[in-house]
């Protein structure tokens, strides 16, 4: 998939996906000339075009006013339009943060999952499961080969051989991701997998923290 999250958007398409962002816990708006807290922008809009004096109150009261304004039709009430605009940009900023994490650390994926579903429909689930087992085996072999090359050998390993071994790992990883995506399609329940991942990562985080505390006690 094409990367969409940029910290310094340089063209209109990039700005379209990054015009709102979160900084120090607050939502900010930017264009090609400025960066401004979204709350401040909403206040400016309310002061310039709104019918209420909400822009003069504190942030918490202003947020409450905008929440109340959502009950009106945005095409008939300017305060409702500003509140809807604010709500939409907050949602965009939060979704951008999640997508930023995914694009930074998440598993790469394809923009054409329907092709993978067609593979399952064409070749059958059993065939694709067997293919997954084979690709996992190839990745294990590639990892073991890289470990062997980096280890102590009678003959020194050339830089070219290490680059080739690394490239092979990355290519095998791509194959495994393609097949694991099909495994999720075959067996379903992506939400269950995500819950299990979060549970295991949480337990790992606790284990690391407890290990750190134990290390402190040993000093």
N, C-alpha and C. Protein backbone atom coordinates (compact mmCIF):
# COMPACT_ATOMS: atom_id res chain seq x y z
N UNK A 1 0.83 -1.19 0.00
CA UNK A 1 0.00 0.00 0.00
C UNK A 1 0.87 1.25 0.00
N UNK A 2 0.37 2.32 -0.59
CA UNK A 2 1.13 3.56 -0.68
C UNK A 2 1.13 4.26 0.68
N UNK A 3 2.29 4.73 1.12
CA UNK A 3 2.40 5.45 2.39
C UNK A 3 1.63 6.77 2.30
N UNK A 4 0.86 7.07 3.34
CA UNK A 4 0.04 8.28 3.32
C UNK A 4 0.36 9.26 4.45
N UNK A 5 1.07 8.79 5.47
CA UNK A 5 1.32 9.65 6.63
C UNK A 5 2.70 10.29 6.53
N UNK A 6 2.71 11.63 6.56
CA UNK A 6 3.96 12.40 6.50
C UNK A 6 3.91 13.50 7.55
N UNK A 7 5.03 13.76 8.19
CA UNK A 7 5.09 14.82 9.19
C UNK A 7 5.24 16.20 8.54
N UNK A 8 5.75 16.23 7.32
CA UNK A 8 5.93 17.51 6.61
C UNK A 8 5.37 17.37 5.19
N UNK A 9 4.03 17.41 5.05
CA UNK A 9 3.43 17.25 3.72
C UNK A 9 3.88 18.35 2.77
N UNK A 10 4.28 17.94 1.55
CA UNK A 10 4.86 18.90 0.61
C UNK A 10 3.98 19.16 -0.61
N UNK A 11 2.84 18.47 -0.72
CA UNK A 11 1.94 18.71 -1.83
C UNK A 11 0.50 18.58 -1.35
N UNK A 12 -0.43 18.87 -2.23
CA UNK A 12 -1.84 18.91 -1.83
C UNK A 12 -2.35 17.55 -1.37
N UNK A 13 -1.97 16.49 -2.09
CA UNK A 13 -2.45 15.16 -1.72
C UNK A 13 -1.94 14.78 -0.34
N UNK A 14 -0.65 15.06 -0.08
CA UNK A 14 -0.09 14.75 1.24
C UNK A 14 -0.76 15.58 2.32
N UNK A 15 -1.03 16.86 2.04
CA UNK A 15 -1.67 17.73 3.01
C UNK A 15 -3.09 17.24 3.30
N UNK A 16 -3.77 16.73 2.31
CA UNK A 16 -5.14 16.25 2.46
C UNK A 16 -5.21 15.16 3.53
N UNK A 17 -4.18 14.30 3.60
CA UNK A 17 -4.17 13.21 4.56
C UNK A 17 -3.50 13.59 5.88
N UNK A 18 -2.87 14.77 5.93
CA UNK A 18 -2.09 15.13 7.11
C UNK A 18 -2.37 16.55 7.59
N UNK A 19 -3.52 17.11 7.23
CA UNK A 19 -3.82 18.49 7.62
C UNK A 19 -4.15 18.61 9.10
N UNK A 20 -4.49 17.50 9.75
CA UNK A 20 -4.66 17.50 11.20
C UNK A 20 -3.75 16.43 11.79
N UNK A 21 -3.23 16.71 12.98
CA UNK A 21 -2.31 15.79 13.63
C UNK A 21 -2.35 16.05 15.13
N UNK A 22 -1.77 15.13 15.88
CA UNK A 22 -1.76 15.25 17.34
C UNK A 22 -0.35 15.61 17.79
N UNK A 23 -0.26 16.66 18.59
CA UNK A 23 1.02 17.10 19.14
C UNK A 23 0.83 17.41 20.61
N UNK A 24 1.63 16.76 21.46
CA UNK A 24 1.56 16.98 22.91
C UNK A 24 0.15 16.75 23.45
N UNK A 25 -0.55 15.76 22.87
CA UNK A 25 -1.88 15.40 23.35
C UNK A 25 -3.01 16.24 22.81
N UNK A 26 -2.71 17.27 22.01
CA UNK A 26 -3.75 18.12 21.44
C UNK A 26 -3.82 17.96 19.93
N UNK A 27 -4.99 18.22 19.36
CA UNK A 27 -5.16 18.16 17.92
C UNK A 27 -4.80 19.51 17.30
N UNK A 28 -3.99 19.46 16.26
CA UNK A 28 -3.56 20.66 15.56
C UNK A 28 -4.02 20.59 14.10
N UNK A 29 -4.20 21.79 13.53
CA UNK A 29 -4.51 21.92 12.09
C UNK A 29 -3.33 22.61 11.42
N UNK A 30 -3.04 22.21 10.17
CA UNK A 30 -1.99 22.89 9.43
C UNK A 30 -2.38 23.03 7.97
N UNK A 31 -1.80 24.06 7.35
CA UNK A 31 -1.85 24.19 5.89
C UNK A 31 -0.41 24.48 5.47
N UNK A 32 -0.22 25.04 4.28
CA UNK A 32 1.15 25.28 3.82
C UNK A 32 1.79 26.51 4.45
N UNK A 33 1.02 27.27 5.25
CA UNK A 33 1.54 28.50 5.82
C UNK A 33 1.58 28.52 7.34
N UNK A 34 0.83 27.66 8.01
CA UNK A 34 0.76 27.75 9.47
C UNK A 34 0.37 26.43 10.10
N UNK A 35 0.63 26.35 11.41
CA UNK A 35 0.13 25.29 12.26
C UNK A 35 -0.58 25.96 13.43
N UNK A 36 -1.78 25.49 13.78
CA UNK A 36 -2.58 26.12 14.81
C UNK A 36 -3.36 25.05 15.56
N UNK A 37 -3.48 25.15 16.90
CA UNK A 37 -4.31 24.19 17.62
C UNK A 37 -5.74 24.20 17.08
N UNK A 38 -6.33 23.04 16.92
CA UNK A 38 -7.68 22.96 16.36
C UNK A 38 -8.68 23.71 17.23
N UNK A 39 -8.50 23.65 18.54
CA UNK A 39 -9.40 24.37 19.43
C UNK A 39 -9.35 25.86 19.15
N UNK A 40 -8.15 26.39 18.95
CA UNK A 40 -8.01 27.82 18.64
C UNK A 40 -8.65 28.15 17.30
N UNK A 41 -8.47 27.26 16.30
CA UNK A 41 -9.11 27.48 15.00
C UNK A 41 -10.62 27.48 15.14
N UNK A 42 -11.17 26.54 15.91
CA UNK A 42 -12.62 26.48 16.10
C UNK A 42 -13.11 27.75 16.80
N UNK A 43 -12.35 28.24 17.76
CA UNK A 43 -12.74 29.48 18.43
C UNK A 43 -12.76 30.66 17.44
N UNK A 44 -11.72 30.70 16.58
CA UNK A 44 -11.67 31.78 15.60
C UNK A 44 -12.86 31.73 14.65
N UNK A 45 -13.21 30.50 14.23
CA UNK A 45 -14.36 30.34 13.34
C UNK A 45 -15.66 30.75 14.03
N UNK A 46 -15.77 30.36 15.29
CA UNK A 46 -16.98 30.71 16.04
C UNK A 46 -17.10 32.22 16.22
N UNK A 47 -15.95 32.85 16.50
CA UNK A 47 -15.96 34.31 16.70
C UNK A 47 -16.26 35.03 15.40
N UNK A 48 -15.76 34.51 14.27
CA UNK A 48 -15.95 35.20 12.99
C UNK A 48 -17.33 34.96 12.38
N UNK A 49 -17.86 33.76 12.57
CA UNK A 49 -19.09 33.41 11.85
C UNK A 49 -20.22 32.92 12.74
N UNK A 50 -19.91 32.54 14.00
CA UNK A 50 -20.92 31.92 14.84
C UNK A 50 -21.93 32.91 15.39
N UNK A 51 -23.03 32.35 15.89
CA UNK A 51 -24.09 33.16 16.46
C UNK A 51 -24.02 33.22 17.98
N UNK A 52 -23.14 32.42 18.59
CA UNK A 52 -23.06 32.38 20.04
C UNK A 52 -21.79 33.06 20.53
N UNK A 53 -21.70 33.21 21.86
CA UNK A 53 -20.51 33.80 22.47
C UNK A 53 -19.62 32.71 23.07
N UNK A 54 -19.72 31.51 22.54
CA UNK A 54 -19.00 30.36 23.09
C UNK A 54 -17.49 30.56 23.03
N UNK A 55 -17.01 31.35 22.07
CA UNK A 55 -15.57 31.51 21.91
C UNK A 55 -14.94 32.24 23.08
N UNK A 56 -15.76 32.87 23.94
CA UNK A 56 -15.23 33.64 25.05
C UNK A 56 -15.05 32.81 26.32
N UNK A 57 -15.57 31.58 26.34
CA UNK A 57 -15.50 30.76 27.55
C UNK A 57 -14.24 29.90 27.53
N UNK A 58 -13.98 29.17 28.62
CA UNK A 58 -12.79 28.31 28.68
C UNK A 58 -12.96 27.10 27.77
N UNK A 59 -11.87 26.35 27.62
CA UNK A 59 -11.87 25.25 26.65
C UNK A 59 -12.93 24.20 26.96
N UNK A 60 -13.06 23.84 28.23
CA UNK A 60 -14.03 22.81 28.59
C UNK A 60 -15.45 23.25 28.29
N UNK A 61 -15.77 24.49 28.64
CA UNK A 61 -17.11 25.01 28.37
C UNK A 61 -17.34 25.16 26.87
N UNK A 62 -16.29 25.55 26.15
CA UNK A 62 -16.42 25.68 24.69
C UNK A 62 -16.69 24.32 24.05
N UNK A 63 -16.01 23.28 24.53
CA UNK A 63 -16.25 21.93 24.02
C UNK A 63 -17.68 21.50 24.29
N UNK A 64 -18.19 21.82 25.49
CA UNK A 64 -19.57 21.49 25.83
C UNK A 64 -20.54 22.21 24.92
N UNK A 65 -20.24 23.46 24.60
CA UNK A 65 -21.10 24.24 23.71
C UNK A 65 -21.14 23.60 22.32
N UNK A 66 -19.97 23.20 21.82
CA UNK A 66 -19.93 22.59 20.50
C UNK A 66 -20.67 21.25 20.50
N UNK A 67 -20.56 20.49 21.59
CA UNK A 67 -21.30 19.23 21.68
C UNK A 67 -22.80 19.49 21.60
N UNK A 68 -23.25 20.51 22.32
CA UNK A 68 -24.68 20.87 22.27
C UNK A 68 -25.09 21.30 20.87
N UNK A 69 -24.20 21.99 20.15
CA UNK A 69 -24.52 22.48 18.82
C UNK A 69 -24.71 21.36 17.80
N UNK A 70 -24.21 20.17 18.11
CA UNK A 70 -24.35 19.05 17.16
C UNK A 70 -25.78 18.59 17.00
N UNK A 71 -26.68 19.01 17.88
CA UNK A 71 -28.07 18.58 17.79
C UNK A 71 -28.81 19.27 16.64
N UNK A 72 -28.23 20.36 16.12
CA UNK A 72 -28.89 21.10 15.05
C UNK A 72 -28.36 20.65 13.69
N UNK A 73 -29.12 20.91 12.64
CA UNK A 73 -28.70 20.57 11.28
C UNK A 73 -27.57 21.50 10.85
N UNK A 74 -26.47 20.93 10.41
CA UNK A 74 -25.31 21.76 10.10
C UNK A 74 -25.54 22.67 8.91
N UNK A 75 -26.47 22.29 7.98
CA UNK A 75 -26.74 23.16 6.84
C UNK A 75 -27.68 24.31 7.18
N UNK A 76 -28.21 24.30 8.41
CA UNK A 76 -29.13 25.35 8.82
C UNK A 76 -28.59 26.21 9.96
N UNK A 77 -27.50 25.77 10.61
CA UNK A 77 -26.99 26.48 11.77
C UNK A 77 -25.47 26.53 11.70
N UNK A 78 -24.90 27.71 11.67
CA UNK A 78 -23.46 27.86 11.49
C UNK A 78 -22.69 27.28 12.68
N UNK A 79 -23.22 27.43 13.90
CA UNK A 79 -22.55 26.85 15.06
C UNK A 79 -22.49 25.33 14.96
N UNK A 80 -23.55 24.74 14.45
CA UNK A 80 -23.57 23.29 14.25
C UNK A 80 -22.56 22.89 13.18
N UNK A 81 -22.42 23.71 12.15
CA UNK A 81 -21.45 23.42 11.10
C UNK A 81 -20.03 23.44 11.67
N UNK A 82 -19.73 24.44 12.49
CA UNK A 82 -18.40 24.54 13.10
C UNK A 82 -18.14 23.35 14.03
N UNK A 83 -19.16 22.98 14.81
CA UNK A 83 -19.02 21.84 15.72
C UNK A 83 -18.79 20.54 14.96
N UNK A 84 -19.51 20.37 13.85
CA UNK A 84 -19.34 19.17 13.02
C UNK A 84 -17.96 19.15 12.39
N UNK A 85 -17.51 20.32 11.92
CA UNK A 85 -16.17 20.46 11.35
C UNK A 85 -15.11 20.07 12.38
N UNK A 86 -15.29 20.56 13.61
CA UNK A 86 -14.34 20.26 14.69
C UNK A 86 -14.34 18.76 14.99
N UNK A 87 -15.53 18.18 15.10
CA UNK A 87 -15.65 16.75 15.41
C UNK A 87 -14.99 15.90 14.33
N UNK A 88 -15.21 16.26 13.07
CA UNK A 88 -14.64 15.48 11.96
C UNK A 88 -13.12 15.55 11.97
N UNK A 89 -12.55 16.72 12.25
CA UNK A 89 -11.09 16.86 12.25
C UNK A 89 -10.45 16.14 13.43
N UNK A 90 -11.13 16.12 14.58
CA UNK A 90 -10.61 15.35 15.72
C UNK A 90 -10.55 13.87 15.35
N UNK A 91 -11.62 13.38 14.72
CA UNK A 91 -11.64 11.99 14.29
C UNK A 91 -10.55 11.70 13.28
N UNK A 92 -10.34 12.62 12.33
CA UNK A 92 -9.27 12.45 11.35
C UNK A 92 -7.90 12.37 12.01
N UNK A 93 -7.68 13.22 13.01
CA UNK A 93 -6.38 13.24 13.69
C UNK A 93 -6.14 11.93 14.44
N UNK A 94 -7.17 11.42 15.10
CA UNK A 94 -7.01 10.17 15.84
C UNK A 94 -6.77 9.00 14.88
N UNK A 95 -7.49 8.97 13.77
CA UNK A 95 -7.28 7.91 12.78
C UNK A 95 -5.90 8.01 12.15
N UNK A 96 -5.41 9.25 11.96
CA UNK A 96 -4.07 9.44 11.42
C UNK A 96 -3.02 8.86 12.35
N UNK A 97 -3.20 9.06 13.66
CA UNK A 97 -2.24 8.52 14.62
C UNK A 97 -2.20 7.00 14.55
N UNK A 98 -3.37 6.37 14.43
CA UNK A 98 -3.41 4.91 14.34
C UNK A 98 -2.75 4.43 13.05
N UNK A 99 -3.03 5.14 11.96
CA UNK A 99 -2.43 4.76 10.68
C UNK A 99 -0.93 4.99 10.70
N UNK A 100 -0.49 6.04 11.38
CA UNK A 100 0.95 6.31 11.48
C UNK A 100 1.66 5.16 12.18
N UNK A 101 1.06 4.67 13.28
CA UNK A 101 1.64 3.52 13.99
C UNK A 101 1.68 2.31 13.07
N UNK A 102 0.59 2.09 12.33
CA UNK A 102 0.54 0.93 11.44
C UNK A 102 1.61 1.03 10.35
N UNK A 103 1.73 2.21 9.74
CA UNK A 103 2.70 2.37 8.65
C UNK A 103 4.14 2.30 9.16
N UNK A 104 4.33 2.53 10.45
CA UNK A 104 5.68 2.49 11.01
C UNK A 104 6.07 1.09 11.47
N UNK A 105 5.15 0.40 12.15
CA UNK A 105 5.50 -0.88 12.77
C UNK A 105 4.61 -2.05 12.36
N UNK A 106 3.50 -1.78 11.69
CA UNK A 106 2.58 -2.85 11.33
C UNK A 106 3.09 -3.69 10.17
N UNK A 107 2.52 -4.88 10.03
CA UNK A 107 2.91 -5.73 8.91
C UNK A 107 2.48 -5.11 7.60
N UNK A 108 3.35 -5.10 6.60
CA UNK A 108 2.95 -4.60 5.27
C UNK A 108 1.79 -5.43 4.73
N UNK A 109 1.02 -4.85 3.86
CA UNK A 109 -0.12 -5.56 3.29
C UNK A 109 -0.30 -5.15 1.84
N UNK A 110 -1.30 -5.73 1.20
CA UNK A 110 -1.56 -5.43 -0.20
C UNK A 110 -2.80 -4.57 -0.34
N UNK A 111 -2.82 -3.77 -1.38
CA UNK A 111 -4.01 -2.97 -1.68
C UNK A 111 -5.04 -3.78 -2.46
N UNK A 112 -4.71 -5.04 -2.76
CA UNK A 112 -5.61 -5.87 -3.57
C UNK A 112 -5.89 -7.20 -2.87
N UNK A 113 -6.53 -7.17 -1.69
CA UNK A 113 -6.81 -8.41 -0.97
C UNK A 113 -7.74 -9.33 -1.74
N UNK A 114 -8.50 -8.76 -2.67
CA UNK A 114 -9.41 -9.61 -3.45
C UNK A 114 -8.65 -10.62 -4.29
N UNK A 115 -7.42 -10.30 -4.66
CA UNK A 115 -6.60 -11.26 -5.42
C UNK A 115 -6.26 -12.46 -4.55
N UNK A 116 -5.96 -12.22 -3.28
CA UNK A 116 -5.66 -13.31 -2.37
C UNK A 116 -6.90 -14.17 -2.12
N UNK A 117 -8.05 -13.54 -2.03
CA UNK A 117 -9.29 -14.31 -1.88
C UNK A 117 -9.55 -15.16 -3.11
N UNK A 118 -9.23 -14.61 -4.27
CA UNK A 118 -9.40 -15.38 -5.51
C UNK A 118 -8.47 -16.59 -5.54
N UNK A 119 -7.25 -16.43 -4.97
CA UNK A 119 -6.33 -17.58 -4.87
C UNK A 119 -6.96 -18.70 -4.05
N UNK A 120 -7.57 -18.33 -2.92
CA UNK A 120 -8.23 -19.32 -2.07
C UNK A 120 -9.37 -20.00 -2.81
N UNK A 121 -10.17 -19.19 -3.51
CA UNK A 121 -11.31 -19.74 -4.25
C UNK A 121 -10.87 -20.63 -5.40
N UNK A 122 -9.75 -20.28 -6.01
CA UNK A 122 -9.28 -21.02 -7.19
C UNK A 122 -8.56 -22.31 -6.81
N UNK A 123 -7.63 -22.22 -5.85
CA UNK A 123 -6.79 -23.37 -5.51
C UNK A 123 -7.32 -24.18 -4.33
N UNK A 124 -8.19 -23.59 -3.54
CA UNK A 124 -8.75 -24.28 -2.39
C UNK A 124 -8.00 -23.97 -1.11
N UNK A 125 -8.70 -24.03 0.02
CA UNK A 125 -8.11 -23.68 1.31
C UNK A 125 -6.98 -24.63 1.67
N UNK A 126 -7.17 -25.95 1.45
CA UNK A 126 -6.13 -26.91 1.84
C UNK A 126 -4.82 -26.64 1.10
N UNK A 127 -4.93 -26.33 -0.19
CA UNK A 127 -3.73 -26.04 -0.98
C UNK A 127 -3.01 -24.81 -0.43
N UNK A 128 -3.76 -23.78 -0.08
CA UNK A 128 -3.13 -22.56 0.43
C UNK A 128 -2.55 -22.76 1.83
N UNK A 129 -3.16 -23.62 2.62
CA UNK A 129 -2.58 -23.94 3.94
C UNK A 129 -1.25 -24.66 3.75
N UNK A 130 -1.21 -25.61 2.81
CA UNK A 130 0.04 -26.30 2.52
C UNK A 130 1.10 -25.32 2.02
N UNK A 131 0.68 -24.36 1.20
CA UNK A 131 1.61 -23.35 0.69
C UNK A 131 2.15 -22.50 1.83
N UNK A 132 1.30 -22.19 2.80
CA UNK A 132 1.73 -21.42 3.97
C UNK A 132 2.81 -22.17 4.74
N UNK A 133 2.59 -23.48 4.94
CA UNK A 133 3.59 -24.29 5.65
C UNK A 133 4.92 -24.26 4.91
N UNK A 134 4.86 -24.35 3.59
CA UNK A 134 6.08 -24.31 2.80
C UNK A 134 6.80 -22.98 2.90
N UNK A 135 6.05 -21.88 2.83
CA UNK A 135 6.68 -20.55 2.91
C UNK A 135 7.27 -20.31 4.29
N UNK A 136 6.61 -20.77 5.35
CA UNK A 136 7.16 -20.65 6.69
C UNK A 136 8.48 -21.42 6.80
N UNK A 137 8.51 -22.60 6.20
CA UNK A 137 9.74 -23.41 6.22
C UNK A 137 10.87 -22.69 5.49
N UNK A 138 10.56 -22.05 4.35
CA UNK A 138 11.59 -21.34 3.60
C UNK A 138 12.13 -20.15 4.39
N UNK A 139 11.27 -19.48 5.14
CA UNK A 139 11.73 -18.36 5.95
C UNK A 139 12.65 -18.85 7.07
N UNK A 140 12.30 -19.97 7.69
CA UNK A 140 13.15 -20.53 8.73
C UNK A 140 14.54 -20.85 8.16
N UNK A 141 14.57 -21.45 6.98
CA UNK A 141 15.85 -21.78 6.34
C UNK A 141 16.66 -20.51 6.07
N UNK A 142 16.00 -19.47 5.59
CA UNK A 142 16.70 -18.22 5.29
C UNK A 142 17.28 -17.60 6.56
N UNK A 143 16.52 -17.65 7.65
CA UNK A 143 17.01 -17.10 8.92
C UNK A 143 18.20 -17.90 9.44
N UNK A 144 18.12 -19.23 9.35
CA UNK A 144 19.23 -20.06 9.81
C UNK A 144 20.48 -19.84 8.97
N UNK A 145 20.29 -19.64 7.66
CA UNK A 145 21.44 -19.40 6.79
C UNK A 145 22.12 -18.08 7.16
N UNK A 146 21.33 -17.03 7.42
CA UNK A 146 21.89 -15.75 7.81
C UNK A 146 22.63 -15.87 9.13
N UNK A 147 22.09 -16.60 10.08
CA UNK A 147 22.76 -16.79 11.36
C UNK A 147 24.09 -17.51 11.16
N UNK A 148 24.09 -18.49 10.28
CA UNK A 148 25.32 -19.24 10.01
C UNK A 148 26.38 -18.34 9.39
N UNK A 149 25.96 -17.49 8.45
CA UNK A 149 26.92 -16.61 7.78
C UNK A 149 27.51 -15.59 8.75
N UNK A 150 26.70 -15.15 9.73
CA UNK A 150 27.19 -14.16 10.69
C UNK A 150 28.01 -14.80 11.80
N UNK A 151 27.93 -16.13 11.92
CA UNK A 151 28.65 -16.82 12.97
C UNK A 151 30.11 -17.00 12.63
N UNK A 152 30.78 -17.77 13.44
CA UNK A 152 32.21 -18.02 13.23
C UNK A 152 32.38 -19.10 12.17
N UNK A 153 32.99 -18.74 11.05
CA UNK A 153 33.22 -19.67 9.96
C UNK A 153 34.72 -19.74 9.65
N UNK A 154 35.10 -20.86 9.09
CA UNK A 154 36.50 -21.02 8.67
C UNK A 154 36.83 -19.99 7.60
N UNK A 155 35.92 -19.84 6.64
CA UNK A 155 36.10 -18.86 5.56
C UNK A 155 35.27 -17.61 5.87
N UNK A 156 35.87 -16.45 5.86
CA UNK A 156 35.13 -15.21 6.14
C UNK A 156 33.95 -15.03 5.17
N UNK A 157 32.86 -14.52 5.67
CA UNK A 157 31.68 -14.26 4.85
C UNK A 157 31.82 -12.90 4.18
N UNK A 158 31.60 -12.85 2.89
CA UNK A 158 31.70 -11.59 2.16
C UNK A 158 30.48 -10.73 2.43
N UNK A 159 30.65 -9.43 2.25
CA UNK A 159 29.53 -8.50 2.42
C UNK A 159 28.42 -8.80 1.44
N UNK A 160 28.79 -9.21 0.23
CA UNK A 160 27.79 -9.53 -0.79
C UNK A 160 26.93 -10.71 -0.36
N UNK A 161 27.54 -11.71 0.26
CA UNK A 161 26.78 -12.87 0.72
C UNK A 161 25.80 -12.49 1.82
N UNK A 162 26.23 -11.59 2.71
CA UNK A 162 25.34 -11.15 3.78
C UNK A 162 24.16 -10.35 3.22
N UNK A 163 24.43 -9.50 2.24
CA UNK A 163 23.36 -8.74 1.60
C UNK A 163 22.37 -9.68 0.93
N UNK A 164 22.89 -10.68 0.24
CA UNK A 164 22.02 -11.66 -0.43
C UNK A 164 21.18 -12.43 0.59
N UNK A 165 21.79 -12.80 1.73
CA UNK A 165 21.06 -13.53 2.76
C UNK A 165 19.96 -12.66 3.37
N UNK A 166 20.28 -11.39 3.59
CA UNK A 166 19.29 -10.46 4.14
C UNK A 166 18.13 -10.27 3.16
N UNK A 167 18.45 -10.09 1.89
CA UNK A 167 17.42 -9.93 0.87
C UNK A 167 16.52 -11.15 0.81
N UNK A 168 17.13 -12.33 0.94
CA UNK A 168 16.35 -13.57 0.91
C UNK A 168 15.38 -13.62 2.09
N UNK A 169 15.83 -13.17 3.27
CA UNK A 169 14.95 -13.13 4.44
C UNK A 169 13.75 -12.22 4.17
N UNK A 170 14.02 -11.05 3.61
CA UNK A 170 12.94 -10.09 3.35
C UNK A 170 11.95 -10.63 2.32
N UNK A 171 12.46 -11.28 1.28
CA UNK A 171 11.58 -11.85 0.26
C UNK A 171 10.74 -12.98 0.85
N UNK A 172 11.36 -13.84 1.66
CA UNK A 172 10.61 -14.93 2.29
C UNK A 172 9.58 -14.39 3.28
N UNK A 173 9.94 -13.29 3.96
CA UNK A 173 8.99 -12.66 4.88
C UNK A 173 7.77 -12.16 4.12
N UNK A 174 8.00 -11.56 2.96
CA UNK A 174 6.88 -11.09 2.13
C UNK A 174 5.98 -12.26 1.75
N UNK A 175 6.59 -13.39 1.38
CA UNK A 175 5.80 -14.57 1.02
C UNK A 175 4.96 -15.05 2.20
N UNK A 176 5.57 -15.04 3.40
CA UNK A 176 4.85 -15.50 4.59
C UNK A 176 3.69 -14.57 4.91
N UNK A 177 3.91 -13.26 4.80
CA UNK A 177 2.82 -12.31 5.08
C UNK A 177 1.67 -12.52 4.11
N UNK A 178 1.97 -12.74 2.85
CA UNK A 178 0.92 -13.01 1.86
C UNK A 178 0.11 -14.23 2.26
N UNK A 179 0.80 -15.29 2.68
CA UNK A 179 0.11 -16.53 3.05
C UNK A 179 -0.65 -16.39 4.37
N UNK A 180 -0.06 -15.68 5.34
CA UNK A 180 -0.76 -15.49 6.62
C UNK A 180 -2.03 -14.66 6.43
N UNK A 181 -1.99 -13.73 5.49
CA UNK A 181 -3.20 -12.97 5.17
C UNK A 181 -4.29 -13.91 4.68
N UNK A 182 -3.91 -14.88 3.87
CA UNK A 182 -4.88 -15.86 3.38
C UNK A 182 -5.36 -16.78 4.51
N UNK A 183 -4.48 -17.09 5.45
CA UNK A 183 -4.89 -17.90 6.60
C UNK A 183 -5.99 -17.19 7.38
N UNK A 184 -5.84 -15.88 7.57
CA UNK A 184 -6.88 -15.11 8.26
C UNK A 184 -8.16 -15.13 7.45
N UNK A 185 -8.05 -15.04 6.13
CA UNK A 185 -9.24 -15.10 5.28
C UNK A 185 -9.92 -16.46 5.38
N UNK A 186 -9.13 -17.51 5.46
CA UNK A 186 -9.68 -18.87 5.50
C UNK A 186 -10.37 -19.14 6.83
N UNK A 187 -9.69 -18.81 7.94
CA UNK A 187 -10.22 -19.15 9.25
C UNK A 187 -11.04 -18.03 9.89
N UNK A 188 -10.90 -16.81 9.37
CA UNK A 188 -11.71 -15.71 9.84
C UNK A 188 -11.35 -15.24 11.24
N UNK A 189 -12.23 -14.37 11.80
CA UNK A 189 -12.10 -13.85 13.16
C UNK A 189 -10.82 -13.07 13.37
N UNK A 190 -10.63 -12.06 12.52
CA UNK A 190 -9.48 -11.16 12.67
C UNK A 190 -9.49 -10.47 14.03
N UNK A 191 -10.69 -10.11 14.52
CA UNK A 191 -10.79 -9.44 15.82
C UNK A 191 -10.23 -10.31 16.93
N UNK A 192 -10.49 -11.62 16.87
CA UNK A 192 -9.96 -12.54 17.87
C UNK A 192 -8.44 -12.53 17.85
N UNK A 193 -7.86 -12.56 16.65
CA UNK A 193 -6.40 -12.54 16.52
C UNK A 193 -5.83 -11.26 17.12
N UNK A 194 -6.47 -10.12 16.84
CA UNK A 194 -5.97 -8.85 17.38
C UNK A 194 -6.07 -8.83 18.90
N UNK A 195 -7.15 -9.39 19.46
CA UNK A 195 -7.27 -9.44 20.93
C UNK A 195 -6.17 -10.31 21.53
N UNK A 196 -5.88 -11.44 20.91
CA UNK A 196 -4.83 -12.32 21.40
C UNK A 196 -3.47 -11.61 21.33
N UNK A 197 -3.22 -10.91 20.22
CA UNK A 197 -1.96 -10.17 20.08
C UNK A 197 -1.82 -9.15 21.20
N UNK A 198 -2.87 -8.36 21.43
CA UNK A 198 -2.81 -7.33 22.46
C UNK A 198 -2.59 -7.96 23.84
N UNK A 199 -3.25 -9.10 24.09
CA UNK A 199 -3.10 -9.78 25.37
C UNK A 199 -1.66 -10.26 25.57
N UNK A 200 -1.09 -10.86 24.54
CA UNK A 200 0.28 -11.38 24.64
C UNK A 200 1.30 -10.25 24.77
N UNK A 201 1.09 -9.17 24.03
CA UNK A 201 2.01 -8.02 24.12
C UNK A 201 1.91 -7.38 25.50
N UNK A 202 0.69 -7.32 26.03
CA UNK A 202 0.51 -6.75 27.37
C UNK A 202 1.25 -7.59 28.41
N UNK A 203 1.13 -8.92 28.31
CA UNK A 203 1.84 -9.79 29.24
C UNK A 203 3.35 -9.64 29.08
N UNK A 204 3.80 -9.47 27.84
CA UNK A 204 5.23 -9.29 27.61
C UNK A 204 5.72 -7.98 28.22
N UNK A 205 4.89 -6.94 28.08
CA UNK A 205 5.25 -5.65 28.68
C UNK A 205 5.39 -5.75 30.19
N UNK A 206 4.45 -6.48 30.82
CA UNK A 206 4.52 -6.68 32.26
C UNK A 206 5.77 -7.47 32.65
N UNK A 207 6.08 -8.49 31.85
CA UNK A 207 7.26 -9.30 32.14
C UNK A 207 8.53 -8.46 32.04
N UNK A 208 8.59 -7.60 31.03
CA UNK A 208 9.76 -6.73 30.89
C UNK A 208 9.88 -5.77 32.06
N UNK A 209 8.73 -5.21 32.47
CA UNK A 209 8.74 -4.28 33.59
C UNK A 209 9.16 -4.98 34.87
N UNK A 210 8.65 -6.17 35.10
CA UNK A 210 9.02 -6.92 36.31
C UNK A 210 10.49 -7.31 36.26
N UNK A 211 10.98 -7.61 35.07
CA UNK A 211 12.39 -7.91 34.93
C UNK A 211 13.27 -6.73 35.27
N UNK A 212 12.82 -5.54 34.83
CA UNK A 212 13.56 -4.32 35.15
C UNK A 212 13.59 -4.07 36.66
N UNK A 213 12.45 -4.31 37.33
CA UNK A 213 12.41 -4.10 38.78
C UNK A 213 13.32 -5.09 39.49
N UNK A 214 13.34 -6.34 38.99
CA UNK A 214 14.21 -7.36 39.58
C UNK A 214 15.67 -6.98 39.40
N UNK A 215 15.98 -6.39 38.23
CA UNK A 215 17.36 -5.95 37.98
C UNK A 215 17.77 -4.87 38.97
N UNK A 216 16.80 -3.98 39.27
CA UNK A 216 17.10 -2.91 40.23
C UNK A 216 17.39 -3.49 41.61
N UNK A 217 16.64 -4.53 42.00
CA UNK A 217 16.83 -5.13 43.30
C UNK A 217 18.18 -5.82 43.42
N UNK A 218 18.69 -6.31 42.29
CA UNK A 218 19.96 -7.01 42.31
C UNK A 218 21.15 -6.08 42.41
N UNK A 219 20.94 -4.78 42.17
CA UNK A 219 22.06 -3.84 42.20
C UNK A 219 22.50 -3.59 43.64
